[in-house]
Every structure is written in structure tokens, then in C-alpha cells.
Protein backbone atom coordinates (compact mmCIF):
# COMPACT_ATOMS: atom_id res chain seq x y z
CA MET A 1 97.99 126.59 144.95
CA GLU A 2 100.37 128.44 142.69
CA LYS A 3 103.94 128.65 143.86
CA SER A 4 104.02 132.45 143.30
CA LYS A 5 101.45 132.92 146.08
CA PHE A 6 104.13 132.05 148.63
CA TYR A 7 106.47 134.87 147.59
CA SER A 8 106.55 138.25 149.32
CA ASP A 9 105.49 141.43 147.48
CA SER A 10 109.15 142.39 147.09
CA GLU A 11 110.04 139.04 145.56
CA LEU A 12 107.09 139.18 143.16
CA ILE A 13 108.01 142.73 142.08
CA ALA A 14 111.61 141.68 141.45
CA MET A 15 110.40 138.68 139.43
CA TYR A 16 108.04 140.89 137.41
CA ILE A 17 110.73 143.52 136.70
CA ASN A 18 113.02 140.69 135.58
CA GLY A 19 110.50 139.59 132.96
CA ASN A 20 108.14 137.16 134.71
CA GLU A 21 104.84 138.80 133.77
CA SER A 22 102.70 135.97 135.14
CA VAL A 23 103.44 136.95 138.77
CA LEU A 24 101.78 140.35 138.36
CA GLU A 25 98.32 138.83 138.66
CA THR A 26 99.24 137.18 141.97
CA LEU A 27 100.60 140.47 143.30
CA LEU A 28 97.54 142.50 142.24
CA ASN A 29 95.01 139.89 143.36
CA ARG A 30 96.66 139.84 146.79
CA HIS A 31 95.80 143.53 147.34
CA ARG A 32 92.79 143.95 145.03
CA ASP A 33 90.13 144.17 147.75
CA LYS A 34 92.03 146.76 149.81
CA ILE A 35 92.79 148.95 146.78
CA PHE A 36 89.24 148.64 145.47
CA GLY A 37 87.81 149.34 148.93
CA PHE A 38 89.97 152.44 149.31
CA ILE A 39 88.82 153.86 145.96
CA TYR A 40 85.17 153.04 146.66
CA SER A 41 85.36 154.74 150.06
CA LYS A 42 86.33 157.97 148.28
CA VAL A 43 83.96 157.95 145.27
CA ARG A 44 81.00 155.84 146.48
CA ASN A 45 80.16 154.62 142.98
CA GLN A 46 80.77 151.05 141.80
CA GLU A 47 81.34 151.78 138.09
CA LEU A 48 83.56 154.79 138.76
CA THR A 49 85.50 152.72 141.31
CA GLU A 50 86.08 150.04 138.65
CA ASP A 51 87.33 152.66 136.16
CA LEU A 52 89.66 154.30 138.67
CA PHE A 53 90.85 150.87 139.84
CA GLN A 54 91.79 150.01 136.24
CA ASP A 55 93.56 153.38 135.90
CA THR A 56 95.48 152.61 139.10
CA LEU A 57 96.53 149.17 137.85
CA PHE A 58 97.62 150.68 134.56
CA LYS A 59 99.78 153.26 136.36
CA VAL A 60 101.26 150.58 138.64
CA VAL A 61 102.14 148.38 135.65
CA ARG A 62 103.61 151.30 133.70
CA THR A 63 105.74 152.43 136.66
CA LEU A 64 107.00 148.90 137.34
CA LYS A 65 107.78 148.41 133.62
CA LYS A 66 109.83 151.60 133.57
CA GLY A 67 111.76 150.42 136.62
CA LYS A 68 110.70 153.48 138.59
CA TYR A 69 109.36 151.62 141.61
CA LEU A 70 111.53 152.30 144.65
CA GLU A 71 111.58 149.31 146.97
CA GLU A 72 110.43 150.40 150.40
CA GLY A 73 108.80 147.14 151.40
CA LYS A 74 105.39 148.78 151.34
CA PHE A 75 103.89 147.92 147.96
CA LEU A 76 100.27 148.35 149.12
CA SER A 77 100.94 151.83 150.57
CA TRP A 78 102.58 152.82 147.30
CA VAL A 79 99.59 151.61 145.25
CA ILE A 80 97.15 153.39 147.59
CA ARG A 81 99.10 156.65 147.02
CA ILE A 82 98.79 156.14 143.27
CA ALA A 83 95.05 155.47 143.62
CA HIS A 84 94.65 158.58 145.78
CA ASN A 85 96.38 160.75 143.15
CA ILE A 86 94.27 159.25 140.37
CA ILE A 87 91.09 160.03 142.34
CA ILE A 88 92.22 163.64 142.85
CA ASP A 89 93.07 163.94 139.13
CA TYR A 90 89.69 162.50 138.21
CA PHE A 91 87.78 165.08 140.26
CA ARG A 92 89.97 167.89 138.91
CA LYS A 93 89.34 166.84 135.33
CA GLN A 94 85.60 166.45 135.79
CA ASN A 95 84.92 170.14 135.36
CA LYS A 96 87.50 170.66 132.61
CA MET A 97 86.55 167.59 130.57
CA LYS A 98 82.77 167.70 130.94
CA ASN A 99 82.17 169.63 127.72
CA VAL A 100 84.50 167.40 125.74
CA TYR A 101 82.68 164.10 125.90
CA GLU A 102 79.64 164.59 128.06
CA THR A 103 77.06 167.05 129.20
CA GLU A 104 75.52 167.41 132.64
CA ASP A 105 72.75 164.99 131.70
CA PHE A 106 74.68 162.52 129.60
CA SER A 107 77.93 160.66 130.06
CA MET A 108 79.08 158.69 127.05
CA PHE A 109 80.06 155.69 129.18
CA ASP A 110 77.36 155.72 131.87
CA ILE A 111 74.41 155.97 129.52
CA LEU A 112 75.36 153.10 127.21
CA HIS A 113 74.20 150.39 129.59
CA ASP A 114 71.22 152.13 131.24
CA PRO A 115 68.01 150.29 130.29
CA GLY A 116 65.72 152.46 132.45
CA LEU A 117 65.52 155.50 130.19
CA ASP A 118 62.38 157.24 128.90
CA ALA A 119 61.66 157.35 125.13
CA GLU A 120 63.48 160.64 124.51
CA LYS A 121 66.57 159.55 126.40
CA GLN A 122 66.44 156.17 124.63
CA MET A 123 66.62 158.01 121.30
CA ILE A 124 69.55 160.11 122.52
CA ARG A 125 71.21 156.96 123.85
CA GLN A 126 70.86 155.30 120.45
CA GLN A 127 72.32 158.37 118.72
CA MET A 128 75.27 158.31 121.12
CA ILE A 129 75.82 154.59 120.55
CA ASN A 130 75.81 155.11 116.79
CA LYS A 131 78.27 158.02 117.01
CA ILE A 132 80.54 156.11 119.37
CA ARG A 133 80.51 153.05 117.07
CA ILE A 134 81.66 155.26 114.18
CA LEU A 135 84.35 156.90 116.33
CA ILE A 136 85.60 153.53 117.59
CA GLU A 137 86.26 152.48 113.99
CA GLN A 138 88.88 155.27 113.78
CA LEU A 139 90.99 153.69 116.53
CA PRO A 140 94.00 151.43 115.88
CA LYS A 141 92.91 147.80 115.49
CA ASP A 142 94.31 146.47 118.79
CA GLN A 143 92.65 149.30 120.78
CA LYS A 144 89.39 148.88 118.87
CA VAL A 145 89.23 145.15 119.63
CA VAL A 146 89.78 145.63 123.38
CA LEU A 147 87.28 148.50 123.62
CA LYS A 148 84.57 146.53 121.80
CA MET A 149 85.14 143.47 123.99
CA ARG A 150 84.97 145.58 127.15
CA MET A 151 82.01 147.80 126.21
CA TYR A 152 79.81 145.54 124.10
CA GLU A 153 80.69 142.05 125.29
CA GLU A 154 81.35 143.25 128.87
CA LEU A 155 84.38 140.97 129.22
CA SER A 156 86.82 141.30 132.11
CA PHE A 157 90.38 142.37 131.33
CA GLN A 158 91.55 138.82 132.09
CA GLU A 159 89.04 137.44 129.56
CA ILE A 160 90.16 140.03 127.00
CA ALA A 161 93.80 139.13 127.62
CA ASP A 162 93.02 135.43 127.16
CA LYS A 163 90.99 135.98 123.99
CA THR A 164 93.57 138.24 122.37
CA ASN A 165 96.61 136.21 123.55
CA VAL A 166 98.25 139.12 125.37
CA SER A 167 99.12 139.78 129.01
CA ILE A 168 96.56 141.48 131.25
CA ASN A 169 98.68 144.63 131.46
CA THR A 170 98.79 144.83 127.64
CA ALA A 171 94.98 144.56 127.56
CA LEU A 172 94.74 147.31 130.24
CA GLY A 173 97.13 149.51 128.28
CA ARG A 174 95.21 149.09 125.05
CA MET A 175 91.95 149.98 126.78
CA ARG A 176 93.50 153.04 128.37
CA TYR A 177 94.92 154.28 125.07
CA ALA A 178 91.64 153.53 123.29
CA LEU A 179 89.77 155.78 125.75
CA ILE A 180 92.41 158.50 125.53
CA ASN A 181 92.32 158.41 121.72
CA LEU A 182 88.53 158.30 121.62
CA ARG A 183 88.30 161.38 123.83
CA LYS A 184 90.95 163.09 121.72
CA ILE A 185 88.93 162.44 118.53
CA ILE A 186 85.80 163.82 120.21
CA GLU A 187 87.67 166.90 121.48
CA GLU A 188 89.49 167.65 118.21
CA ASN A 189 86.30 167.34 116.17
CA GLN A 190 84.19 169.14 118.81
CA ILE A 191 81.63 166.33 118.73
CA ASN A 192 78.66 166.59 121.06
CA LEU A 193 77.43 163.03 121.50
CA ALA A 194 74.06 164.11 122.85
CA ASP A 195 73.05 166.08 119.73
């Protein structure tokens, strides 16, 4: 058993802030099920839960990196508050963002891995995949690599981190920025992926 598993949340946070990135995984794994369960209880969708969970981890890492975490001895409560805010933001953005990268019938991320589509939707799916592949090529190299590994090879963020020799929070950050930049490209060029 790793030594870091015996430390309290507060000790692990202090170690992480002081530059020991390896303890972050222990800290997040300790509370993963509760955080994931909380998000799932609100959205009732496995894939969406995974996305929002990754967004939550990204925000946690970013806040800790900036030194903005205020020690109250309640790390899990703090993360749950972040997750709650991310869920609220997600539902708020749904209506605003829908026209940018999806239509009512098609979501650029949900449809990519759906094998049970009829012939017409299969054609549309293929068109979307082709457009997305072209758009992905416009991303910075490090973001492009992570996005391809996640979407096409379906690797976990830990596997991506291992393959690209970076920390898990770097892999998460690159994925987050890749998605932000991809959506920005789609919005700026007014691309409708379903056409």
C-alpha cells in the first residue's frame, strides 16, 4: 500500500501544493465514488456524469494549483460544491450552446460512438466524424493528441498521462482546452456538424 494513502486530506493537499503531484491521485481516488455518485444523482446519465466529473477534477486541480483552496478540513464538501456549480452551469449552457455544436437530434460527442443508428443517421454520423477530424487538426499538437486518444482510442486520462509522459492533471487540462478550442472553432466558423 502506498504511503500517501495514510495521510489525511489536509496533508495530501499541502503536499500537492508544495509540488508533490503524485499525491493528487490518492486524494482524488479516495473521494471518487462519492463525487461521481453525487453528479450521477443529479444528471442520471453515465456519459454526462463522466464529462462533468472530469470538469470537476479539472476545476479542483486548477484551484489547488493557484493556491486558492482555503483549508477548512472538509475537502470532499468543497469538491461537491464545485461539482454542484458545474452541473448548474452545464444545464444553463445547454440552451445557449445547443446551436453552436449540436442540434436537438445530434450531439457531436454522443453520436460518435452510437452503433445503433439507421442508414440516414449513419451517413450524418460519418459526415460529423469527417468534419470533426478536420477540425481537430486545427488544434495545438498537445491538445490534438489527448483528444484523439480519448475519443478514438477511448483511453482513460491515466492511460493518456502515462502514454504522453505528463501528469494526469496536465492530460485533463489539455483535454479541457481541446474541447473549448474545438467549440470555439465551430462557433466562430458557424459550422453545423449535422449538415
